[in-house]
């Protein structure tokens, strides 16, 4: 959340300083979040989406392979919950 003054700065819920583009998303209002993430309620332009895709890669989570033995042991240890 911004702290009023000549130079606004952002702090998290514990009062720790956040960088220019870092905003405590739990506490920030939407306009602050849009500004910090360089976006708007309308979303990204096609050009900006392509730039971010090239810079950051796809928005995906890589799942790690687990051995069948580990899956089985976790299943048994958790009372049958996978």
PDB file of N, CA and C in Angstrom:
ATOM      1  N   UNK A   1       0.845  -1.169   0.000  1.00  0.00           N
ATOM      2  CA  UNK A   1       0.000   0.000   0.000  1.00  0.00           C
ATOM      3  C   UNK A   1       0.885   1.225   0.000  1.00  0.00           C
ATOM      4  N   UNK A   2       0.504   2.293  -0.710  1.00  0.00           N
ATOM      5  CA  UNK A   2       1.367   3.459  -0.764  1.00  0.00           C
ATOM      6  C   UNK A   2       1.363   4.203   0.566  1.00  0.00           C
ATOM      7  N   UNK A   3       2.505   4.761   0.889  1.00  0.00           N
ATOM      8  CA  UNK A   3       2.613   5.606   2.073  1.00  0.00           C
ATOM      9  C   UNK A   3       2.652   7.043   1.573  1.00  0.00           C
ATOM     10  N   UNK A   4       1.730   7.898   2.040  1.00  0.00           N
ATOM     11  CA  UNK A   4       1.677   9.267   1.552  1.00  0.00           C
ATOM     12  C   UNK A   4       2.982   9.992   1.828  1.00  0.00           C
ATOM     13  N   UNK A   5       3.302  10.912   0.973  1.00  0.00           N
ATOM     14  CA  UNK A   5       4.496  11.721   1.144  1.00  0.00           C
ATOM     15  C   UNK A   5       5.017  12.146  -0.206  1.00  0.00           C
ATOM     16  N   UNK A   6       6.104  12.913  -0.212  1.00  0.00           N
ATOM     17  CA  UNK A   6       6.644  13.396  -1.481  1.00  0.00           C
ATOM     18  C   UNK A   6       7.048  12.268  -2.412  1.00  0.00           C
ATOM     19  N   UNK A   7       7.575  11.184  -1.840  1.00  0.00           N
ATOM     20  CA  UNK A   7       7.947  10.016  -2.643  1.00  0.00           C
ATOM     21  C   UNK A   7       7.140   8.843  -2.119  1.00  0.00           C
ATOM     22  N   UNK A   8       6.133   8.421  -2.863  1.00  0.00           N
ATOM     23  CA  UNK A   8       5.336   7.277  -2.422  1.00  0.00           C
ATOM     24  C   UNK A   8       6.204   6.038  -2.470  1.00  0.00           C
ATOM     25  N   UNK A   9       6.081   5.205  -1.463  1.00  0.00           N
ATOM     26  CA  UNK A   9       6.794   3.934  -1.478  1.00  0.00           C
ATOM     27  C   UNK A   9       5.798   2.855  -1.099  1.00  0.00           C
ATOM     28  N   UNK A  10       6.116   1.643  -1.432  1.00  0.00           N
ATOM     29  CA  UNK A  10       5.216   0.536  -1.149  1.00  0.00           C
ATOM     30  C   UNK A  10       5.824  -0.328  -0.064  1.00  0.00           C
ATOM     31  N   UNK A  11       4.963  -0.753   0.849  1.00  0.00           N
ATOM     32  CA  UNK A  11       5.385  -1.654   1.921  1.00  0.00           C
ATOM     33  C   UNK A  11       4.398  -2.804   1.985  1.00  0.00           C
ATOM     34  N   UNK A  12       4.857  -3.941   2.513  1.00  0.00           N
ATOM     35  CA  UNK A  12       3.938  -5.062   2.672  1.00  0.00           C
ATOM     36  C   UNK A  12       3.231  -4.965   4.011  1.00  0.00           C
ATOM     37  N   UNK A  13       2.454  -5.955   4.374  1.00  0.00           N
ATOM     38  CA  UNK A  13       1.661  -5.924   5.597  1.00  0.00           C
ATOM     39  C   UNK A  13       2.534  -5.790   6.842  1.00  0.00           C
ATOM     40  N   UNK A  14       3.789  -6.218   6.768  1.00  0.00           N
ATOM     41  CA  UNK A  14       4.703  -6.126   7.906  1.00  0.00           C
ATOM     42  C   UNK A  14       5.509  -4.835   7.910  1.00  0.00           C
ATOM     43  N   UNK A  15       5.275  -3.964   6.936  1.00  0.00           N
ATOM     44  CA  UNK A  15       5.996  -2.706   6.871  1.00  0.00           C
ATOM     45  C   UNK A  15       7.307  -2.777   6.117  1.00  0.00           C
ATOM     46  N   UNK A  16       7.634  -3.951   5.548  1.00  0.00           N
ATOM     47  CA  UNK A  16       8.877  -4.080   4.795  1.00  0.00           C
ATOM     48  C   UNK A  16       8.735  -3.382   3.442  1.00  0.00           C
ATOM     49  N   UNK A  17       9.787  -2.704   3.030  1.00  0.00           N
ATOM     50  CA  UNK A  17       9.764  -1.996   1.750  1.00  0.00           C
ATOM     51  C   UNK A  17       9.671  -2.968   0.587  1.00  0.00           C
ATOM     52  N   UNK A  18       8.883  -2.591  -0.409  1.00  0.00           N
ATOM     53  CA  UNK A  18       8.784  -3.339  -1.652  1.00  0.00           C
ATOM     54  C   UNK A  18       9.366  -2.475  -2.754  1.00  0.00           C
ATOM     55  N   UNK A  19       9.895  -3.108  -3.796  1.00  0.00           N
ATOM     56  CA  UNK A  19      10.448  -2.364  -4.922  1.00  0.00           C
ATOM     57  C   UNK A  19       9.366  -1.626  -5.685  1.00  0.00           C
ATOM     58  N   UNK A  20       9.786  -0.856  -6.683  1.00  0.00           N
ATOM     59  CA  UNK A  20       8.852  -0.047  -7.474  1.00  0.00           C
ATOM     60  C   UNK A  20       7.703  -0.858  -8.037  1.00  0.00           C
ATOM     61  N   UNK A  21       8.015  -2.000  -8.622  1.00  0.00           N
ATOM     62  CA  UNK A  21       6.966  -2.771  -9.284  1.00  0.00           C
ATOM     63  C   UNK A  21       6.386  -3.857  -8.376  1.00  0.00           C
ATOM     64  N   UNK A  22       6.849  -3.927  -7.127  1.00  0.00           N
ATOM     65  CA  UNK A  22       6.319  -4.921  -6.208  1.00  0.00           C
ATOM     66  C   UNK A  22       5.240  -4.277  -5.347  1.00  0.00           C
ATOM     67  N   UNK A  23       4.097  -4.903  -5.306  1.00  0.00           N
ATOM     68  CA  UNK A  23       2.980  -4.420  -4.513  1.00  0.00           C
ATOM     69  C   UNK A  23       2.477  -5.589  -3.690  1.00  0.00           C
ATOM     70  N   UNK A  24       2.146  -5.336  -2.443  1.00  0.00           N
ATOM     71  CA  UNK A  24       1.562  -6.371  -1.606  1.00  0.00           C
ATOM     72  C   UNK A  24       0.146  -6.615  -2.123  1.00  0.00           C
ATOM     73  N   UNK A  25      -0.040  -7.665  -2.895  1.00  0.00           N
ATOM     74  CA  UNK A  25      -1.312  -7.906  -3.573  1.00  0.00           C
ATOM     75  C   UNK A  25      -2.450  -8.190  -2.605  1.00  0.00           C
ATOM     76  N   UNK A  26      -2.147  -8.585  -1.381  1.00  0.00           N
ATOM     77  CA  UNK A  26      -3.207  -8.826  -0.407  1.00  0.00           C
ATOM     78  C   UNK A  26      -3.825  -7.522   0.075  1.00  0.00           C
ATOM     79  N   UNK A  27      -3.067  -6.440   0.014  1.00  0.00           N
ATOM     80  CA  UNK A  27      -3.503  -5.172   0.583  1.00  0.00           C
ATOM     81  C   UNK A  27      -3.771  -4.091  -0.456  1.00  0.00           C
ATOM     82  N   UNK A  28      -3.251  -4.242  -1.663  1.00  0.00           N
ATOM     83  CA  UNK A  28      -3.296  -3.172  -2.660  1.00  0.00           C
ATOM     84  C   UNK A  28      -4.674  -3.044  -3.294  1.00  0.00           C
ATOM     85  N   UNK A  29      -4.990  -1.823  -3.718  1.00  0.00           N
ATOM     86  CA  UNK A  29      -6.215  -1.615  -4.484  1.00  0.00           C
ATOM     87  C   UNK A  29      -5.929  -1.969  -5.947  1.00  0.00           C
ATOM     88  N   UNK A  30      -6.974  -2.224  -6.721  1.00  0.00           N
ATOM     89  CA  UNK A  30      -6.794  -2.680  -8.104  1.00  0.00           C
ATOM     90  C   UNK A  30      -5.979  -1.719  -8.968  1.00  0.00           C
ATOM     91  N   UNK A  31      -6.213  -0.411  -8.932  1.00  0.00           N
ATOM     92  CA  UNK A  31      -5.389   0.464  -9.765  1.00  0.00           C
ATOM     93  C   UNK A  31      -3.893   0.332  -9.472  1.00  0.00           C
ATOM     94  N   UNK A  32      -3.536   0.119  -8.209  1.00  0.00           N
ATOM     95  CA  UNK A  32      -2.124  -0.064  -7.861  1.00  0.00           C
ATOM     96  C   UNK A  32      -1.579  -1.368  -8.436  1.00  0.00           C
ATOM     97  N   UNK A  33      -2.392  -2.396  -8.406  1.00  0.00           N
ATOM     98  CA  UNK A  33      -1.965  -3.689  -8.949  1.00  0.00           C
ATOM     99  C   UNK A  33      -1.777  -3.584 -10.457  1.00  0.00           C
ATOM    100  N   UNK A  34      -2.736  -2.977 -11.143  1.00  0.00           N
ATOM    101  CA  UNK A  34      -2.609  -2.805 -12.593  1.00  0.00           C
ATOM    102  C   UNK A  34      -1.346  -2.027 -12.939  1.00  0.00           C
ATOM    103  N   UNK A  35      -1.093  -0.967 -12.195  1.00  0.00           N
ATOM    104  CA  UNK A  35       0.086  -0.136 -12.474  1.00  0.00           C
ATOM    105  C   UNK A  35       1.369  -0.919 -12.229  1.00  0.00           C
ATOM    106  N   UNK A  36       1.422  -1.648 -11.124  1.00  0.00           N
ATOM    107  CA  UNK A  36       2.623  -2.410 -10.785  1.00  0.00           C
ATOM    108  C   UNK A  36       2.892  -3.528 -11.788  1.00  0.00           C
ATOM    109  N   UNK A  37       1.836  -4.106 -12.341  1.00  0.00           N
ATOM    110  CA  UNK A  37       2.000  -5.216 -13.282  1.00  0.00           C
ATOM    111  C   UNK A  37       1.964  -4.753 -14.733  1.00  0.00           C
ATOM    112  N   UNK A  38       1.915  -3.451 -14.948  1.00  0.00           N
ATOM    113  CA  UNK A  38       1.899  -2.872 -16.299  1.00  0.00           C
ATOM    114  C   UNK A  38       0.787  -3.463 -17.159  1.00  0.00           C
ATOM    115  N   UNK A  39      -0.430  -3.419 -16.627  1.00  0.00           N
ATOM    116  CA  UNK A  39      -1.587  -3.923 -17.340  1.00  0.00           C
ATOM    117  C   UNK A  39      -2.794  -3.054 -17.034  1.00  0.00           C
ATOM    118  N   UNK A  40      -3.972  -3.485 -17.435  1.00  0.00           N
ATOM    119  CA  UNK A  40      -5.201  -2.726 -17.217  1.00  0.00           C
ATOM    120  C   UNK A  40      -6.356  -3.703 -17.075  1.00  0.00           C
ATOM    121  N   UNK A  41      -7.551  -3.208 -16.727  1.00  0.00           N
ATOM    122  CA  UNK A  41      -8.704  -4.106 -16.637  1.00  0.00           C
ATOM    123  C   UNK A  41      -9.018  -4.789 -17.974  1.00  0.00           C
ATOM    124  N   UNK A  42      -8.586  -4.193 -19.075  1.00  0.00           N
ATOM    125  CA  UNK A  42      -8.825  -4.793 -20.395  1.00  0.00           C
ATOM    126  C   UNK A  42      -7.810  -5.883 -20.721  1.00  0.00           C
ATOM    127  N   UNK A  43      -6.791  -6.037 -19.895  1.00  0.00           N
ATOM    128  CA  UNK A  43      -5.776  -7.058 -20.136  1.00  0.00           C
ATOM    129  C   UNK A  43      -4.615  -6.525 -20.950  1.00  0.00           C
ATOM    130  N   UNK A  44      -3.781  -7.425 -21.400  1.00  0.00           N
ATOM    131  CA  UNK A  44      -2.600  -7.062 -22.184  1.00  0.00           C
ATOM    132  C   UNK A  44      -2.956  -6.914 -23.651  1.00  0.00           C
ATOM    133  N   UNK A  45      -2.201  -6.062 -24.322  1.00  0.00           N
ATOM    134  CA  UNK A  45      -2.333  -6.003 -25.779  1.00  0.00           C
ATOM    135  C   UNK A  45      -1.662  -7.247 -26.351  1.00  0.00           C
ATOM    136  N   UNK A  46      -1.968  -7.571 -27.578  1.00  0.00           N
ATOM    137  CA  UNK A  46      -1.338  -8.731 -28.223  1.00  0.00           C
ATOM    138  C   UNK A  46       0.175  -8.565 -28.243  1.00  0.00           C
ATOM    139  N   UNK A  47       0.630  -7.362 -28.535  1.00  0.00           N
ATOM    140  CA  UNK A  47       2.060  -7.083 -28.587  1.00  0.00           C
ATOM    141  C   UNK A  47       2.714  -7.305 -27.226  1.00  0.00           C
ATOM    142  N   UNK A  48       2.095  -6.795 -26.157  1.00  0.00           N
ATOM    143  CA  UNK A  48       2.654  -6.963 -24.815  1.00  0.00           C
ATOM    144  C   UNK A  48       2.617  -8.424 -24.395  1.00  0.00           C
ATOM    145  N   UNK A  49       1.568  -9.145 -24.740  1.00  0.00           N
ATOM    146  CA  UNK A  49       1.486 -10.569 -24.412  1.00  0.00           C
ATOM    147  C   UNK A  49       2.612 -11.345 -25.092  1.00  0.00           C
ATOM    148  N   UNK A  50       2.882 -11.034 -26.348  1.00  0.00           N
ATOM    149  CA  UNK A  50       3.971 -11.709 -27.072  1.00  0.00           C
ATOM    150  C   UNK A  50       5.326 -11.366 -26.463  1.00  0.00           C
ATOM    151  N   UNK A  51       5.500 -10.099 -26.088  1.00  0.00           N
ATOM    152  CA  UNK A  51       6.760  -9.676 -25.464  1.00  0.00           C
ATOM    153  C   UNK A  51       6.982 -10.427 -24.157  1.00  0.00           C
ATOM    154  N   UNK A  52       5.941 -10.525 -23.328  1.00  0.00           N
ATOM    155  CA  UNK A  52       6.070 -11.223 -22.049  1.00  0.00           C
ATOM    156  C   UNK A  52       6.279 -12.722 -22.249  1.00  0.00           C
ATOM    157  N   UNK A  53       5.627 -13.290 -23.235  1.00  0.00           N
ATOM    158  CA  UNK A  53       5.818 -14.707 -23.521  1.00  0.00           C
ATOM    159  C   UNK A  53       7.264 -14.976 -23.923  1.00  0.00           C
ATOM    160  N   UNK A  54       7.829 -14.108 -24.761  1.00  0.00           N
ATOM    161  CA  UNK A  54       9.224 -14.273 -25.175  1.00  0.00           C
ATOM    162  C   UNK A  54      10.185 -14.052 -24.019  1.00  0.00           C
ATOM    163  N   UNK A  55       9.875 -13.088 -23.148  1.00  0.00           N
ATOM    164  CA  UNK A  55      10.771 -12.746 -22.044  1.00  0.00           C
ATOM    165  C   UNK A  55      10.669 -13.757 -20.905  1.00  0.00           C
ATOM    166  N   UNK A  56       9.463 -14.191 -20.569  1.00  0.00           N
ATOM    167  CA  UNK A  56       9.251 -15.015 -19.368  1.00  0.00           C
ATOM    168  C   UNK A  56       8.928 -16.475 -19.655  1.00  0.00           C
ATOM    169  N   UNK A  57       8.516 -16.768 -20.880  1.00  0.00           N
ATOM    170  CA  UNK A  57       8.119 -18.131 -21.206  1.00  0.00           C
ATOM    171  C   UNK A  57       6.642 -18.340 -20.928  1.00  0.00           C
ATOM    172  N   UNK A  58       6.129 -19.515 -21.245  1.00  0.00           N
ATOM    173  CA  UNK A  58       4.701 -19.785 -21.056  1.00  0.00           C
ATOM    174  C   UNK A  58       4.331 -19.854 -19.578  1.00  0.00           C
ATOM    175  N   UNK A  59       3.094 -19.568 -19.291  1.00  0.00           N
ATOM    176  CA  UNK A  59       2.578 -19.624 -17.930  1.00  0.00           C
ATOM    177  C   UNK A  59       2.114 -21.050 -17.665  1.00  0.00           C
ATOM    178  N   UNK A  60       3.051 -21.891 -17.261  1.00  0.00           N
ATOM    179  CA  UNK A  60       2.714 -23.292 -17.027  1.00  0.00           C
ATOM    180  C   UNK A  60       3.534 -23.829 -15.867  1.00  0.00           C
ATOM    181  N   UNK A  61       3.044 -24.890 -15.291  1.00  0.00           N
ATOM    182  CA  UNK A  61       3.727 -25.544 -14.178  1.00  0.00           C
ATOM    183  C   UNK A  61       4.232 -26.890 -14.671  1.00  0.00           C
ATOM    184  N   UNK A  62       5.511 -27.125 -14.464  1.00  0.00           N
ATOM    185  CA  UNK A  62       6.108 -28.391 -14.858  1.00  0.00           C
ATOM    186  C   UNK A  62       5.928 -29.381 -13.707  1.00  0.00           C
ATOM    187  N   UNK A  63       5.285 -30.514 -13.980  1.00  0.00           N
ATOM    188  CA  UNK A  63       5.126 -31.532 -12.957  1.00  0.00           C
ATOM    189  C   UNK A  63       6.325 -32.466 -12.976  1.00  0.00           C
ATOM    190  N   UNK A  64       6.786 -32.797 -11.784  1.00  0.00           N
ATOM    191  CA  UNK A  64       7.913 -33.715 -11.661  1.00  0.00           C
ATOM    192  C   UNK A  64       7.403 -35.148 -11.743  1.00  0.00           C
ATOM    193  N   UNK A  65       8.179 -35.977 -12.392  1.00  0.00           N
ATOM    194  CA  UNK A  65       7.855 -37.399 -12.458  1.00  0.00           C
ATOM    195  C   UNK A  65       8.121 -38.022 -11.099  1.00  0.00           C
ATOM    196  N   UNK A  66       7.209 -38.846 -10.616  1.00  0.00           N
ATOM    197  CA  UNK A  66       7.399 -39.575  -9.369  1.00  0.00           C
ATOM    198  C   UNK A  66       7.445 -41.060  -9.693  1.00  0.00           C
ATOM    199  N   UNK A  67       8.278 -41.741  -8.955  1.00  0.00           N
ATOM    200  CA  UNK A  67       8.339 -43.182  -9.169  1.00  0.00           C
ATOM    201  C   UNK A  67       7.054 -43.817  -8.665  1.00  0.00           C
ATOM    202  N   UNK A  68       6.716 -44.954  -9.244  1.00  0.00           N
ATOM    203  CA  UNK A  68       5.511 -45.674  -8.834  1.00  0.00           C
ATOM    204  C   UNK A  68       5.616 -46.093  -7.372  1.00  0.00           C
ATOM    205  N   UNK A  69       6.826 -46.435  -6.932  1.00  0.00           N
ATOM    206  CA  UNK A  69       7.026 -46.845  -5.543  1.00  0.00           C
ATOM    207  C   UNK A  69       6.718 -45.687  -4.589  1.00  0.00           C
ATOM    208  N   UNK A  70       7.228 -44.487  -4.894  1.00  0.00           N
ATOM    209  CA  UNK A  70       6.947 -43.332  -4.041  1.00  0.00           C
ATOM    210  C   UNK A  70       5.466 -42.996  -4.021  1.00  0.00           C
ATOM    211  N   UNK A  71       4.809 -43.079  -5.156  1.00  0.00           N
ATOM    212  CA  UNK A  71       3.364 -42.836  -5.207  1.00  0.00           C
ATOM    213  C   UNK A  71       2.623 -43.820  -4.305  1.00  0.00           C
ATOM    214  N   UNK A  72       3.019 -45.090  -4.390  1.00  0.00           N
ATOM    215  CA  UNK A  72       2.384 -46.114  -3.582  1.00  0.00           C
ATOM    216  C   UNK A  72       2.618 -45.865  -2.095  1.00  0.00           C
ATOM    217  N   UNK A  73       3.869 -45.555  -1.720  1.00  0.00           N
ATOM    218  CA  UNK A  73       4.186 -45.326  -0.317  1.00  0.00           C
ATOM    219  C   UNK A  73       3.437 -44.118   0.232  1.00  0.00           C
ATOM    220  N   UNK A  74       3.334 -43.051  -0.549  1.00  0.00           N
ATOM    221  CA  UNK A  74       2.583 -41.867  -0.112  1.00  0.00           C
ATOM    222  C   UNK A  74       1.095 -42.205   0.027  1.00  0.00           C
ATOM    223  N   UNK A  75       0.598 -43.019  -0.893  1.00  0.00           N
ATOM    224  CA  UNK A  75      -0.792 -43.444  -0.843  1.00  0.00           C
ATOM    225  C   UNK A  75      -1.061 -44.214   0.446  1.00  0.00           C
ATOM    226  N   UNK A  76      -0.191 -45.143   0.780  1.00  0.00           N
ATOM    227  CA  UNK A  76      -0.373 -45.966   1.973  1.00  0.00           C
ATOM    228  C   UNK A  76      -0.172 -45.151   3.251  1.00  0.00           C
ATOM    229  N   UNK A  77       0.792 -44.271   3.276  1.00  0.00           N
ATOM    230  CA  UNK A  77       1.073 -43.463   4.461  1.00  0.00           C
ATOM    231  C   UNK A  77      -0.039 -42.449   4.722  1.00  0.00           C
ATOM    232  N   UNK A  78      -0.710 -42.008   3.664  1.00  0.00           N
ATOM    233  CA  UNK A  78      -1.757 -41.016   3.829  1.00  0.00           C
ATOM    234  C   UNK A  78      -3.127 -41.617   4.042  1.00  0.00           C
ATOM    235  N   UNK A  79      -3.203 -42.877   4.340  1.00  0.00           N
ATOM    236  CA  UNK A  79      -4.492 -43.514   4.579  1.00  0.00           C
ATOM    237  C   UNK A  79      -5.290 -43.744   3.311  1.00  0.00           C
ATOM    238  N   UNK A  80      -4.602 -43.890   2.192  1.00  0.00           N
ATOM    239  CA  UNK A  80      -5.297 -44.182   0.943  1.00  0.00           C
ATOM    240  C   UNK A  80      -5.635 -42.954   0.113  1.00  0.00           C
ATOM    241  N   UNK A  81      -5.168 -41.786   0.540  1.00  0.00           N
ATOM    242  CA  UNK A  81      -5.418 -40.569  -0.236  1.00  0.00           C
ATOM    243  C   UNK A  81      -4.214 -40.318  -1.124  1.00  0.00           C
ATOM    244  N   UNK A  82      -4.405 -40.250  -2.448  1.00  0.00           N
ATOM    245  CA  UNK A  82      -3.258 -40.083  -3.346  1.00  0.00           C
ATOM    246  C   UNK A  82      -2.582 -38.741  -3.187  1.00  0.00           C
TER     247      UNK A  82
END
